N, C-alpha and C. Protein backbone atom coordinates (compact mmCIF):
# COMPACT_ATOMS: atom_id res chain seq x y z
N MET A 1 -14.60 -84.61 -41.35
CA MET A 1 -13.41 -84.35 -42.52
C MET A 1 -12.28 -84.16 -42.10
N SER A 2 -11.10 -85.31 -42.92
CA SER A 2 -10.14 -85.33 -42.50
C SER A 2 -9.36 -83.73 -42.71
N LYS A 3 -8.04 -83.91 -41.75
CA LYS A 3 -7.45 -82.70 -41.33
C LYS A 3 -6.62 -81.92 -43.04
N LEU A 4 -6.08 -83.11 -43.52
CA LEU A 4 -5.68 -82.68 -45.37
C LEU A 4 -6.60 -82.27 -46.06
N LYS A 5 -7.76 -82.75 -46.11
CA LYS A 5 -8.63 -81.84 -46.75
C LYS A 5 -9.51 -80.62 -46.02
N THR A 6 -9.25 -80.11 -44.87
CA THR A 6 -9.50 -78.88 -44.69
C THR A 6 -8.65 -78.00 -45.13
N ILE A 7 -7.19 -78.27 -45.08
CA ILE A 7 -6.41 -77.57 -45.27
C ILE A 7 -6.47 -77.41 -46.78
N GLU A 8 -6.86 -78.45 -47.78
CA GLU A 8 -6.80 -78.23 -49.03
C GLU A 8 -7.84 -77.19 -48.94
N LEU A 9 -9.14 -77.37 -48.70
CA LEU A 9 -10.45 -76.14 -48.70
C LEU A 9 -9.43 -75.03 -48.20
N PHE A 10 -8.69 -74.75 -47.26
CA PHE A 10 -8.52 -73.61 -46.81
C PHE A 10 -7.59 -73.14 -48.23
N ASP A 11 -7.19 -73.65 -48.52
CA ASP A 11 -5.92 -72.92 -49.40
C ASP A 11 -6.77 -72.45 -51.14
N ILE A 12 -7.82 -73.32 -51.27
CA ILE A 12 -8.55 -72.82 -52.11
C ILE A 12 -9.91 -71.59 -51.67
N LEU A 13 -10.08 -71.68 -50.58
CA LEU A 13 -10.63 -70.13 -50.24
C LEU A 13 -9.99 -69.08 -50.05
N ARG A 14 -8.53 -69.05 -49.57
CA ARG A 14 -7.58 -67.86 -49.52
C ARG A 14 -7.09 -67.44 -50.99
N ALA A 15 -7.11 -68.55 -51.95
CA ALA A 15 -6.91 -68.18 -53.41
C ALA A 15 -8.12 -67.35 -53.95
N ALA A 16 -9.33 -67.88 -53.60
CA ALA A 16 -10.71 -67.27 -54.37
C ALA A 16 -10.88 -66.07 -53.84
N CYS A 17 -10.90 -65.97 -52.09
CA CYS A 17 -11.16 -64.86 -51.97
C CYS A 17 -9.80 -63.71 -52.09
N ALA A 18 -8.97 -63.86 -52.37
CA ALA A 18 -7.88 -62.70 -52.89
C ALA A 18 -7.63 -62.40 -54.57
N ARG A 19 -8.54 -63.79 -54.76
CA ARG A 19 -8.89 -63.10 -56.63
C ARG A 19 -10.12 -62.55 -56.82
N GLN A 20 -11.16 -62.88 -55.97
CA GLN A 20 -12.67 -62.33 -56.02
C GLN A 20 -12.75 -60.81 -55.35
N TYR A 21 -11.86 -61.19 -54.46
CA TYR A 21 -12.30 -59.69 -53.51
C TYR A 21 -11.11 -58.72 -52.72
N ARG A 22 -9.92 -59.74 -53.57
CA ARG A 22 -8.57 -58.79 -52.84
C ARG A 22 -8.43 -58.89 -51.13
N PHE A 23 -8.90 -60.16 -50.78
CA PHE A 23 -8.79 -60.25 -49.17
C PHE A 23 -7.26 -60.52 -49.16
N ASN A 24 -6.69 -60.32 -48.05
CA ASN A 24 -5.46 -61.01 -47.62
C ASN A 24 -5.65 -62.00 -47.45
N PRO A 25 -4.44 -62.83 -47.77
CA PRO A 25 -4.66 -64.20 -47.37
C PRO A 25 -4.38 -64.63 -45.59
N ARG A 26 -3.72 -63.99 -45.19
CA ARG A 26 -3.52 -63.82 -43.85
C ARG A 26 -4.28 -63.56 -43.15
N ARG A 27 -5.15 -62.99 -43.52
CA ARG A 27 -6.58 -62.56 -42.78
C ARG A 27 -7.27 -63.57 -42.89
N ILE A 28 -7.57 -64.18 -43.89
CA ILE A 28 -8.40 -65.25 -43.92
C ILE A 28 -8.24 -66.71 -43.17
N THR A 29 -6.60 -66.68 -43.28
CA THR A 29 -6.22 -67.71 -42.36
C THR A 29 -6.25 -67.86 -40.48
N GLU A 30 -5.89 -66.35 -40.55
CA GLU A 30 -6.10 -65.86 -38.90
C GLU A 30 -7.89 -65.89 -38.31
N GLY A 31 -8.59 -65.16 -39.60
CA GLY A 31 -10.01 -64.82 -38.52
C GLY A 31 -11.05 -65.99 -39.29
N MET A 32 -10.72 -66.89 -40.11
CA MET A 32 -11.57 -67.75 -40.68
C MET A 32 -11.71 -69.16 -40.04
N ARG A 33 -12.43 -69.46 -39.81
CA ARG A 33 -12.97 -71.13 -39.03
C ARG A 33 -14.03 -71.75 -40.14
N TYR A 34 -13.64 -73.43 -40.11
CA TYR A 34 -14.23 -73.97 -41.24
C TYR A 34 -15.66 -74.57 -40.73
N VAL A 35 -16.92 -74.01 -40.98
CA VAL A 35 -18.00 -75.07 -40.31
C VAL A 35 -18.37 -76.07 -40.87
N GLY A 36 -18.90 -76.40 -41.95
CA GLY A 36 -19.21 -77.58 -43.14
C GLY A 36 -19.68 -77.06 -43.89
N LYS A 37 -20.34 -78.24 -44.40
CA LYS A 37 -21.09 -77.97 -45.76
C LYS A 37 -22.48 -78.58 -45.79
N GLU A 38 -22.60 -77.72 -46.76
CA GLU A 38 -24.53 -77.40 -47.04
C GLU A 38 -24.83 -77.95 -48.40
N GLY A 39 -25.99 -78.36 -48.16
CA GLY A 39 -26.66 -78.84 -49.69
C GLY A 39 -26.03 -80.50 -50.16
N HIS A 40 -26.36 -80.60 -51.32
CA HIS A 40 -26.35 -82.26 -51.81
C HIS A 40 -25.53 -82.59 -53.13
N GLY A 41 -24.92 -83.46 -53.59
CA GLY A 41 -24.30 -83.69 -55.07
C GLY A 41 -23.76 -82.42 -55.52
N ASN A 42 -24.02 -82.08 -56.50
CA ASN A 42 -23.42 -80.99 -57.30
C ASN A 42 -23.28 -79.25 -56.74
N ASP A 43 -24.66 -79.32 -55.27
CA ASP A 43 -24.88 -78.30 -54.91
C ASP A 43 -24.15 -77.93 -53.46
N ILE A 44 -23.09 -78.68 -53.06
CA ILE A 44 -22.35 -78.73 -52.01
C ILE A 44 -21.62 -77.60 -52.14
N VAL A 45 -21.70 -76.74 -50.99
CA VAL A 45 -20.74 -75.59 -50.53
C VAL A 45 -20.19 -75.86 -49.10
N HIS A 46 -19.38 -75.62 -49.02
CA HIS A 46 -18.55 -75.63 -47.65
C HIS A 46 -18.36 -74.04 -47.10
N ILE A 47 -19.04 -73.81 -45.71
CA ILE A 47 -19.03 -72.77 -45.12
C ILE A 47 -18.11 -72.91 -44.46
N PHE A 48 -17.33 -71.20 -44.13
CA PHE A 48 -16.41 -70.68 -43.34
C PHE A 48 -17.17 -69.48 -42.71
N ARG A 49 -16.84 -69.28 -41.46
CA ARG A 49 -17.13 -68.75 -40.96
C ARG A 49 -16.28 -67.59 -40.13
N ASP A 50 -16.04 -66.10 -39.65
CA ASP A 50 -15.43 -65.75 -39.08
C ASP A 50 -15.23 -65.85 -37.41
N ALA A 51 -14.11 -65.92 -36.84
CA ALA A 51 -14.47 -66.36 -35.35
C ALA A 51 -14.91 -65.33 -34.43
N SER A 52 -14.85 -63.82 -34.76
CA SER A 52 -15.19 -62.85 -34.27
C SER A 52 -16.55 -62.55 -34.59
N THR A 53 -17.12 -61.82 -35.58
CA THR A 53 -18.06 -61.46 -36.41
C THR A 53 -19.22 -62.32 -36.56
N HIS A 54 -18.76 -63.53 -36.71
CA HIS A 54 -19.72 -64.49 -37.58
C HIS A 54 -20.04 -64.53 -39.26
N SER A 55 -19.40 -63.46 -39.55
CA SER A 55 -19.78 -63.56 -41.27
C SER A 55 -19.79 -64.32 -41.72
N GLN A 56 -19.95 -65.43 -42.53
CA GLN A 56 -19.71 -66.26 -43.40
C GLN A 56 -19.62 -66.14 -44.91
N ILE A 57 -18.79 -67.06 -45.37
CA ILE A 57 -18.37 -67.29 -46.79
C ILE A 57 -18.74 -68.39 -47.03
N ALA A 58 -19.20 -68.55 -48.27
CA ALA A 58 -19.56 -69.80 -49.03
C ALA A 58 -18.55 -70.23 -50.15
N LEU A 59 -18.01 -71.42 -50.11
CA LEU A 59 -17.41 -71.52 -51.01
C LEU A 59 -17.52 -73.17 -51.78
N LYS A 60 -18.18 -72.36 -53.34
CA LYS A 60 -18.33 -73.95 -54.32
C LYS A 60 -17.06 -73.98 -55.37
N ASN A 61 -16.67 -75.06 -55.56
CA ASN A 61 -15.76 -75.08 -56.11
C ASN A 61 -14.59 -74.38 -55.68
N THR A 62 -14.43 -73.51 -56.86
CA THR A 62 -13.16 -72.42 -56.71
C THR A 62 -13.63 -71.17 -56.56
N PHE A 63 -14.94 -71.15 -56.49
CA PHE A 63 -15.68 -69.88 -56.30
C PHE A 63 -16.51 -69.57 -54.71
N VAL A 64 -16.18 -68.14 -54.05
CA VAL A 64 -16.47 -67.78 -53.12
C VAL A 64 -17.95 -66.83 -53.17
N THR A 65 -18.53 -67.09 -52.41
CA THR A 65 -19.76 -65.87 -51.79
C THR A 65 -19.66 -65.84 -50.49
N LEU A 66 -19.91 -64.54 -50.42
CA LEU A 66 -20.01 -63.54 -49.15
C LEU A 66 -21.51 -63.50 -48.76
N ARG A 67 -21.90 -64.13 -47.53
CA ARG A 67 -23.19 -64.18 -47.31
C ARG A 67 -23.53 -62.70 -46.57
N GLU A 68 -24.18 -61.80 -46.94
CA GLU A 68 -24.46 -60.86 -46.61
C GLU A 68 -25.44 -60.69 -45.30
N THR A 69 -25.99 -61.47 -45.22
CA THR A 69 -27.12 -61.67 -44.37
C THR A 69 -27.06 -63.18 -43.63
N HIS A 70 -27.31 -63.31 -42.13
CA HIS A 70 -27.12 -64.66 -41.73
C HIS A 70 -28.12 -64.65 -40.72
N GLY A 71 -29.39 -65.17 -41.11
CA GLY A 71 -30.80 -64.65 -40.20
C GLY A 71 -31.31 -63.62 -40.59
N ASP A 72 -31.36 -62.85 -39.47
CA ASP A 72 -31.93 -61.52 -39.65
C ASP A 72 -30.61 -60.25 -39.34
N LYS A 73 -29.10 -60.83 -39.45
CA LYS A 73 -28.47 -60.03 -39.09
C LYS A 73 -27.36 -59.90 -40.08
N PRO A 74 -27.78 -58.32 -40.75
CA PRO A 74 -26.57 -58.15 -41.42
C PRO A 74 -25.02 -58.52 -41.27
N HIS A 75 -23.99 -58.87 -42.47
CA HIS A 75 -22.70 -59.41 -42.18
C HIS A 75 -22.13 -58.58 -43.47
N TRP A 76 -21.08 -58.43 -43.39
CA TRP A 76 -20.03 -58.09 -44.25
C TRP A 76 -20.25 -56.81 -44.35
N THR A 77 -20.01 -55.69 -43.53
CA THR A 77 -19.85 -54.42 -43.48
C THR A 77 -18.48 -53.93 -44.36
N GLU A 78 -18.75 -52.79 -44.80
CA GLU A 78 -17.62 -51.82 -45.49
C GLU A 78 -16.33 -52.26 -44.47
N SER A 79 -16.19 -52.40 -43.14
CA SER A 79 -15.54 -51.79 -42.24
C SER A 79 -14.93 -53.24 -42.01
N GLU A 80 -15.83 -54.23 -42.52
CA GLU A 80 -15.26 -55.76 -42.00
C GLU A 80 -14.42 -55.96 -43.31
N ILE A 81 -14.59 -55.58 -44.84
CA ILE A 81 -14.41 -56.03 -46.02
C ILE A 81 -13.04 -55.52 -45.86
N ALA A 82 -12.82 -54.26 -45.51
CA ALA A 82 -11.78 -52.98 -45.30
C ALA A 82 -10.89 -53.82 -44.61
N HIS A 83 -11.37 -54.57 -43.78
CA HIS A 83 -10.38 -55.22 -42.69
C HIS A 83 -9.97 -56.45 -43.45
N TYR A 84 -10.39 -57.16 -43.97
CA TYR A 84 -10.27 -58.44 -44.55
C TYR A 84 -8.98 -58.26 -45.83
N LYS A 85 -8.76 -56.65 -46.39
CA LYS A 85 -8.27 -56.24 -47.44
C LYS A 85 -7.11 -55.31 -46.70
N ASN A 86 -6.43 -55.78 -45.49
CA ASN A 86 -5.49 -55.10 -45.00
C ASN A 86 -4.39 -55.63 -45.38
N THR A 87 -2.97 -54.89 -45.64
CA THR A 87 -2.11 -55.24 -46.26
C THR A 87 -1.62 -55.64 -44.97
N ASP A 88 -0.25 -56.34 -45.73
CA ASP A 88 0.73 -57.23 -44.66
C ASP A 88 1.11 -56.03 -43.52
N ALA A 89 1.59 -54.94 -44.00
CA ALA A 89 2.35 -54.00 -43.07
C ALA A 89 1.37 -53.30 -41.98
N GLU A 90 -0.06 -53.70 -42.35
CA GLU A 90 -1.19 -52.87 -41.87
C GLU A 90 -1.61 -53.94 -40.72
N ILE A 91 -1.62 -55.47 -41.11
CA ILE A 91 -1.56 -56.72 -40.20
C ILE A 91 -0.57 -56.46 -39.14
N ASP A 92 0.65 -56.61 -39.40
CA ASP A 92 2.01 -56.50 -38.69
C ASP A 92 2.05 -55.27 -37.78
N ALA A 93 1.23 -54.36 -38.19
CA ALA A 93 1.30 -53.07 -37.02
C ALA A 93 0.04 -53.23 -36.29
N GLU A 94 -1.28 -53.72 -36.66
CA GLU A 94 -2.04 -54.20 -35.61
C GLU A 94 -1.68 -55.34 -34.60
N ILE A 95 -1.21 -56.17 -35.20
CA ILE A 95 -0.36 -57.33 -34.21
C ILE A 95 0.65 -56.49 -33.17
N GLU A 96 1.42 -55.64 -33.52
CA GLU A 96 2.34 -54.95 -32.58
C GLU A 96 1.51 -54.06 -31.67
N ALA A 97 0.44 -53.10 -32.04
CA ALA A 97 -0.33 -52.37 -31.10
C ALA A 97 -1.04 -53.56 -29.97
N LYS A 98 -1.53 -54.49 -30.25
CA LYS A 98 -1.84 -55.74 -29.42
C LYS A 98 -1.19 -55.81 -28.52
N GLN A 99 0.23 -56.29 -29.24
CA GLN A 99 1.34 -56.70 -28.45
C GLN A 99 1.64 -55.50 -27.20
N ALA A 100 1.58 -54.40 -27.69
CA ALA A 100 1.71 -53.15 -26.93
C ALA A 100 0.84 -52.99 -26.01
N GLU A 101 -0.41 -53.27 -26.26
CA GLU A 101 -1.47 -53.03 -25.31
C GLU A 101 -1.60 -54.33 -24.11
N LEU A 102 -1.01 -55.36 -24.76
CA LEU A 102 -0.94 -56.44 -23.61
C LEU A 102 0.23 -56.31 -22.62
N GLU A 103 1.31 -55.98 -23.17
CA GLU A 103 2.50 -55.66 -22.37
C GLU A 103 2.03 -54.45 -21.29
N PHE A 104 1.45 -53.48 -21.96
CA PHE A 104 1.12 -52.41 -20.80
C PHE A 104 0.09 -52.93 -19.37
N THR A 105 -0.89 -53.88 -19.86
CA THR A 105 -1.87 -54.14 -19.19
C THR A 105 -1.14 -54.91 -18.33
N ARG A 106 -0.53 -55.85 -18.84
CA ARG A 106 0.77 -57.10 -17.63
C ARG A 106 1.41 -56.28 -16.70
N ASN A 107 2.14 -55.08 -17.26
CA ASN A 107 2.56 -54.27 -16.27
C ASN A 107 1.77 -52.98 -15.34
N CYS A 108 0.62 -52.85 -15.74
CA CYS A 108 -0.04 -51.74 -15.03
C CYS A 108 -0.61 -51.65 -13.73
N PRO A 109 -0.40 -50.66 -13.04
CA PRO A 109 -0.96 -51.14 -11.37
C PRO A 109 -2.21 -51.61 -11.47
N LEU A 110 -3.04 -51.31 -11.95
CA LEU A 110 -4.76 -51.79 -12.03
C LEU A 110 -4.54 -53.65 -11.94
N TYR A 111 -3.98 -53.88 -13.59
CA TYR A 111 -3.68 -55.55 -13.63
C TYR A 111 -2.93 -55.90 -12.21
N GLN A 112 -1.63 -55.45 -12.09
CA GLN A 112 -0.94 -56.15 -10.82
C GLN A 112 -2.00 -56.16 -9.56
N ASP A 113 -2.39 -55.20 -9.10
CA ASP A 113 -3.50 -55.29 -8.09
C ASP A 113 -4.15 -56.17 -8.03
N HIS A 114 -5.08 -56.68 -8.95
CA HIS A 114 -5.92 -57.44 -9.24
C HIS A 114 -6.05 -58.58 -9.78
N ARG A 115 -4.55 -58.82 -10.41
CA ARG A 115 -4.60 -60.09 -10.82
C ARG A 115 -4.98 -61.46 -10.01
N GLU A 116 -4.44 -61.56 -8.88
CA GLU A 116 -4.55 -62.91 -8.22
C GLU A 116 -6.48 -63.00 -8.21
N HIS A 117 -7.20 -61.81 -8.17
CA HIS A 117 -8.41 -61.77 -8.17
C HIS A 117 -9.19 -62.11 -9.23
N LEU A 118 -8.72 -61.81 -10.11
CA LEU A 118 -8.92 -62.30 -11.89
C LEU A 118 -8.95 -63.81 -12.04
N LEU A 119 -7.63 -63.90 -11.60
CA LEU A 119 -7.12 -65.35 -12.00
C LEU A 119 -7.92 -66.44 -11.36
N SER A 120 -8.72 -65.91 -9.91
CA SER A 120 -9.15 -66.79 -9.30
C SER A 120 -10.45 -66.93 -10.06
N HIS A 121 -11.01 -67.00 -10.69
CA HIS A 121 -12.75 -67.04 -11.43
C HIS A 121 -12.33 -67.70 -12.53
N TYR A 122 -11.20 -68.29 -13.06
CA TYR A 122 -10.62 -69.31 -13.57
C TYR A 122 -10.56 -70.88 -13.48
N LYS A 123 -11.44 -71.93 -13.89
CA LYS A 123 -11.56 -73.11 -13.39
C LYS A 123 -10.69 -73.70 -14.01
N ASN A 124 -9.77 -74.76 -13.09
CA ASN A 124 -8.76 -75.26 -12.98
C ASN A 124 -7.38 -74.15 -12.75
N TRP A 125 -7.63 -73.25 -12.40
CA TRP A 125 -6.63 -72.34 -11.88
C TRP A 125 -6.09 -72.62 -10.57
N PRO A 126 -5.02 -72.84 -10.23
CA PRO A 126 -4.62 -73.59 -8.55
C PRO A 126 -5.55 -72.67 -7.61
N GLY A 127 -5.83 -71.23 -7.58
CA GLY A 127 -6.72 -70.42 -6.42
C GLY A 127 -7.71 -70.18 -6.93
N TYR A 128 -8.32 -71.08 -7.65
CA TYR A 128 -9.82 -71.21 -8.00
C TYR A 128 -10.80 -70.92 -6.89
N LYS A 129 -11.96 -70.10 -7.38
CA LYS A 129 -12.79 -69.95 -5.68
C LYS A 129 -13.90 -70.04 -6.64
N ALA A 130 -14.15 -71.39 -6.29
CA ALA A 130 -15.86 -72.41 -6.62
C ALA A 130 -17.05 -71.06 -6.43
N GLY A 131 -18.00 -71.07 -7.18
CA GLY A 131 -19.33 -70.59 -6.75
C GLY A 131 -18.98 -69.16 -7.09
N GLY A 132 -18.53 -68.56 -7.51
CA GLY A 132 -18.07 -66.99 -8.15
C GLY A 132 -18.76 -66.70 -9.79
N PRO A 133 -18.94 -65.47 -10.15
CA PRO A 133 -18.75 -65.40 -11.03
C PRO A 133 -17.78 -66.17 -12.46
N ASN A 134 -18.10 -65.96 -13.64
CA ASN A 134 -17.03 -66.40 -14.77
C ASN A 134 -16.21 -65.51 -14.92
N PRO A 135 -14.73 -65.43 -15.24
CA PRO A 135 -13.96 -64.47 -15.43
C PRO A 135 -14.37 -63.09 -16.11
N ARG A 136 -15.54 -63.10 -17.44
CA ARG A 136 -15.47 -62.02 -17.98
C ARG A 136 -16.47 -61.11 -17.02
N GLU A 137 -17.69 -61.74 -16.07
CA GLU A 137 -18.36 -61.25 -15.57
C GLU A 137 -17.64 -60.55 -14.25
N ALA A 138 -16.63 -61.25 -13.83
CA ALA A 138 -15.70 -61.08 -12.49
C ALA A 138 -14.72 -59.80 -12.81
N ALA A 139 -14.36 -59.89 -14.03
CA ALA A 139 -13.66 -58.26 -14.05
C ALA A 139 -14.42 -56.91 -14.48
N ARG A 140 -15.86 -57.25 -15.36
CA ARG A 140 -16.54 -56.28 -15.74
C ARG A 140 -17.47 -55.97 -14.24
N LEU A 141 -17.28 -56.71 -12.95
CA LEU A 141 -17.80 -56.16 -11.73
C LEU A 141 -16.75 -55.50 -11.34
N LEU A 142 -15.40 -55.78 -11.53
CA LEU A 142 -14.01 -55.07 -11.04
C LEU A 142 -14.48 -53.51 -11.55
N ILE A 143 -14.53 -53.74 -12.66
CA ILE A 143 -14.22 -52.46 -13.56
C ILE A 143 -15.63 -51.25 -12.89
N ASN A 144 -16.57 -51.73 -13.16
CA ASN A 144 -17.71 -51.05 -12.84
C ASN A 144 -17.52 -50.65 -10.91
N THR A 145 -17.26 -51.64 -10.35
CA THR A 145 -16.70 -51.33 -8.64
C THR A 145 -15.76 -50.03 -8.88
N LEU A 146 -14.80 -50.22 -9.31
CA LEU A 146 -13.73 -49.09 -9.71
C LEU A 146 -14.15 -48.28 -9.94
N ALA A 147 -15.07 -47.93 -11.19
CA ALA A 147 -15.05 -46.97 -11.74
C ALA A 147 -16.39 -46.07 -10.77
N ASP A 148 -16.88 -46.75 -10.15
CA ASP A 148 -17.83 -46.22 -9.10
C ASP A 148 -17.29 -45.09 -7.75
N ALA A 149 -16.20 -46.03 -7.38
CA ALA A 149 -15.00 -45.67 -6.50
C ALA A 149 -14.14 -44.53 -6.95
N GLN A 150 -13.90 -44.11 -8.48
CA GLN A 150 -13.55 -43.08 -9.13
C GLN A 150 -11.66 -43.30 -8.88
N ASP A 151 -11.52 -44.77 -8.91
CA ASP A 151 -10.02 -45.38 -8.64
C ASP A 151 -9.57 -44.77 -9.74
N LEU A 152 -8.03 -44.19 -9.29
CA LEU A 152 -6.96 -43.43 -9.94
C LEU A 152 -6.55 -44.40 -11.00
N ARG A 153 -6.55 -45.68 -10.75
CA ARG A 153 -5.55 -46.59 -11.63
C ARG A 153 -6.73 -47.13 -12.60
N LEU A 154 -7.83 -47.54 -12.34
CA LEU A 154 -8.63 -47.53 -13.41
C LEU A 154 -8.62 -46.33 -14.80
N LYS A 155 -8.71 -45.21 -13.95
CA LYS A 155 -8.81 -43.85 -14.78
C LYS A 155 -7.37 -43.86 -15.73
N SER A 156 -6.60 -43.92 -14.92
CA SER A 156 -5.28 -44.00 -15.58
C SER A 156 -4.92 -45.20 -17.01
N PHE A 157 -5.91 -46.41 -16.73
CA PHE A 157 -5.72 -47.50 -17.55
C PHE A 157 -6.65 -46.91 -18.70
N ALA A 158 -7.87 -46.56 -18.53
CA ALA A 158 -8.60 -46.35 -19.32
C ALA A 158 -8.45 -45.25 -20.38
N GLU A 159 -7.38 -44.38 -19.67
CA GLU A 159 -7.38 -42.90 -20.75
C GLU A 159 -6.28 -43.69 -21.55
N HIS A 160 -5.14 -44.58 -20.92
CA HIS A 160 -4.13 -44.73 -22.08
C HIS A 160 -4.88 -46.00 -23.02
N MET A 161 -5.58 -46.64 -23.01
CA MET A 161 -6.48 -47.45 -23.68
C MET A 161 -7.67 -46.89 -24.77
N GLY A 162 -7.79 -45.41 -24.20
CA GLY A 162 -8.57 -44.45 -25.09
C GLY A 162 -10.05 -45.14 -24.86
N SER A 163 -10.95 -45.80 -24.40
CA SER A 163 -12.08 -46.46 -23.53
C SER A 163 -12.55 -46.03 -22.61
N ASN A 164 -13.53 -45.74 -22.22
CA ASN A 164 -14.29 -45.98 -21.11
C ASN A 164 -15.23 -47.26 -20.84
N ASP A 165 -15.71 -48.13 -22.19
CA ASP A 165 -16.41 -48.79 -21.98
C ASP A 165 -15.96 -49.87 -21.06
N SER A 166 -16.81 -50.52 -20.23
CA SER A 166 -16.47 -51.35 -19.11
C SER A 166 -16.53 -52.62 -20.07
N GLU A 167 -17.01 -53.16 -21.02
CA GLU A 167 -16.88 -54.47 -21.63
C GLU A 167 -15.68 -54.43 -22.57
N HIS A 168 -15.05 -53.59 -22.74
CA HIS A 168 -13.84 -53.13 -23.66
C HIS A 168 -12.85 -53.38 -22.24
N LEU A 169 -12.84 -52.41 -21.82
CA LEU A 169 -11.61 -52.68 -20.45
C LEU A 169 -11.81 -53.96 -19.92
N ALA A 170 -12.58 -54.75 -19.57
CA ALA A 170 -12.69 -55.81 -18.97
C ALA A 170 -12.15 -56.99 -19.52
N HIS A 171 -12.17 -56.84 -21.11
CA HIS A 171 -11.51 -57.84 -22.30
C HIS A 171 -10.17 -57.48 -22.17
N LEU A 172 -9.66 -56.29 -22.01
CA LEU A 172 -8.01 -55.91 -22.28
C LEU A 172 -7.77 -56.20 -20.65
N LEU A 173 -8.48 -56.26 -19.84
CA LEU A 173 -7.82 -56.67 -18.24
C LEU A 173 -7.85 -57.99 -18.31
N LEU A 174 -8.34 -58.89 -19.04
CA LEU A 174 -8.32 -60.20 -18.73
C LEU A 174 -7.29 -61.08 -20.15
N ALA A 175 -6.96 -60.05 -21.01
CA ALA A 175 -6.29 -60.53 -22.04
C ALA A 175 -4.88 -61.47 -20.98
N PRO A 176 -3.92 -60.64 -20.32
CA PRO A 176 -2.83 -61.12 -19.86
C PRO A 176 -3.30 -62.40 -18.71
N CYS A 177 -4.31 -62.56 -18.36
CA CYS A 177 -5.10 -63.68 -17.64
C CYS A 177 -5.13 -65.00 -18.04
N HIS A 178 -5.53 -64.78 -19.16
CA HIS A 178 -5.93 -65.91 -20.29
C HIS A 178 -4.81 -66.36 -21.24
N LEU A 179 -3.49 -65.15 -21.33
CA LEU A 179 -2.29 -66.54 -21.66
C LEU A 179 -1.94 -66.71 -20.33
N GLU A 180 -1.67 -66.08 -19.43
CA GLU A 180 -1.05 -66.74 -18.05
C GLU A 180 -1.85 -68.19 -17.41
N PHE A 181 -3.35 -68.56 -17.83
CA PHE A 181 -4.28 -69.27 -17.78
C PHE A 181 -3.41 -70.26 -18.81
N GLU A 182 -3.65 -70.02 -19.74
CA GLU A 182 -2.98 -70.95 -20.96
C GLU A 182 -1.56 -71.93 -20.19
N ALA A 183 -1.11 -70.81 -20.13
CA ALA A 183 0.99 -71.36 -20.21
C ALA A 183 0.55 -72.00 -18.89
N ASN A 184 0.07 -71.80 -17.86
CA ASN A 184 -0.52 -72.69 -16.75
C ASN A 184 -1.32 -74.00 -17.12
N ASN A 185 -2.16 -73.90 -18.02
CA ASN A 185 -2.60 -75.44 -18.29
C ASN A 185 -1.30 -76.55 -19.27
N ALA A 186 -0.58 -75.47 -19.85
CA ALA A 186 0.11 -76.20 -20.88
C ALA A 186 1.24 -77.20 -20.03
N ALA A 187 2.17 -76.07 -19.12
CA ALA A 187 3.12 -76.48 -17.74
C ALA A 187 2.38 -78.04 -16.80
N THR A 188 0.90 -77.75 -16.94
CA THR A 188 0.42 -79.07 -15.99
C THR A 188 0.26 -80.11 -17.23
N VAL A 189 -0.06 -80.04 -18.25
CA VAL A 189 0.17 -81.35 -19.05
C VAL A 189 1.47 -81.67 -19.27
N VAL A 190 2.53 -80.73 -19.57
CA VAL A 190 3.81 -81.44 -19.35
C VAL A 190 4.06 -82.17 -18.43
N ASP A 191 3.98 -81.69 -17.17
CA ASP A 191 4.17 -82.08 -15.76
C ASP A 191 3.53 -83.53 -15.76
N LYS A 192 2.58 -83.88 -16.42
CA LYS A 192 1.55 -85.19 -16.32
C LYS A 192 2.54 -86.51 -16.90
N ARG A 193 2.93 -86.00 -18.00
CA ARG A 193 3.38 -86.71 -18.57
C ARG A 193 4.76 -87.37 -18.27
């Protein structure tokens, strides 16, 4: 499908979701991805999926339907629907909170002390060490090892972030790595021109 047609479908999707469900168009733009179409002839529907929860919306002409189940998994919980109804101010506050988390992580002793180790698990990173776990697994192992050792840096980081979940902490710890890795890749592409 052409980029122009996809843009047109997103315009229709945003308008229909705002009209039918009072969804914020910014949230649709940010969260939804076009998957493709289903059906034939007059029964064609365009499918969009949330990038993180995988909940789906079917668009037929100018009418949308939330697919409340996909396979055996339920979708579109009350909290997810409320998330899509957030006001612009709530979305801006959420972005600011995530930026603050990112800045805290980037500058905290835990990240500073383990930055090179975490980055070494990204393929195409200059210090990549082949044969090791992927970045997510490396971060999870690091968190678990530090938790077993009752590391004070980890304890401080977990308290500040309000979480003791190793999966969530690993995700937070990798966020600055992802950005640094992407910036490094972008610089490499520019250098090759």
